[in-house]
Amino acid sequence: MGRGQMPTGRRERAKKEKIERIMTAARELFAEHGVSGVTTQQIAERADVAIGTLYLYASTKAELLIMVQNDKFAHAIDEGLAAANAALGQALPEPVVALIRPVVACIREQTENGRTYLHELVFGDPDEPYRRAGLALSARLEDAVTGLLTRGESIDAADAATLARVVTAIIHISTTATVYLHRSDEAVLADIRDQIDAALTARHRAA
């Protein structure tokens, strides 16, 4: 090993610590000021890293937001899955509502951040690693809805997958549309529940 070179294990630990500091700094600043009120320089300063170092891990502020929101989104899905499993004995759409309740709270916790996050996932480069991870989380949520719709109901897998896409579209509009921003999380969830009910009713009638 040449002089001044850091052992691989120590180098990896240092890299992990920097990423954690950057994530913590970004999470705190985005929560305090919203994505539009924060600069990458401020995040670098709070994380105590050089701006060039920060860009090694995320080249834009949007990518930093996606990093932070992906982590929160993943935890919300995990929480929702546990709640949905506990509600499996109830009729639809209650298990689905239990699943998406933490997701709705996650997206609306800081409205600007949640709206920007979903916008970036939908309209950004899907091959960018952080967006790709976020889209994978969205697919995980959609798959979970599909699974719930096929339990104890006369809904086949293909129809359930279509309905799941409808549900995720409803979540997107209900949590980001400006006209709904004044509503409480419970009001938004009640509206989502009504829309899911309507979709299920229409499907049963067609069947």
Foldseek 3Di string as FASTA:
>chain_A
DDPPDDPPVVVVVVLVLLVVLLLVLLLVCCLVQNLVRDALVSSCVSSVHDSVSVCVVPVHSLLSLLVNLLVQLVVLQVQLLVQLVVCLVDDPPVSLLSRCLSVLCSLLVPVRSSQSNVVCLVPPDCPPVSSVSVVVSVVVSLVSQLVSVPPPDPADSVRSSVLSVVLVVLSNCLSHPPVNSVDDSVVSSVVSRVVSVVVVVVVVVVD
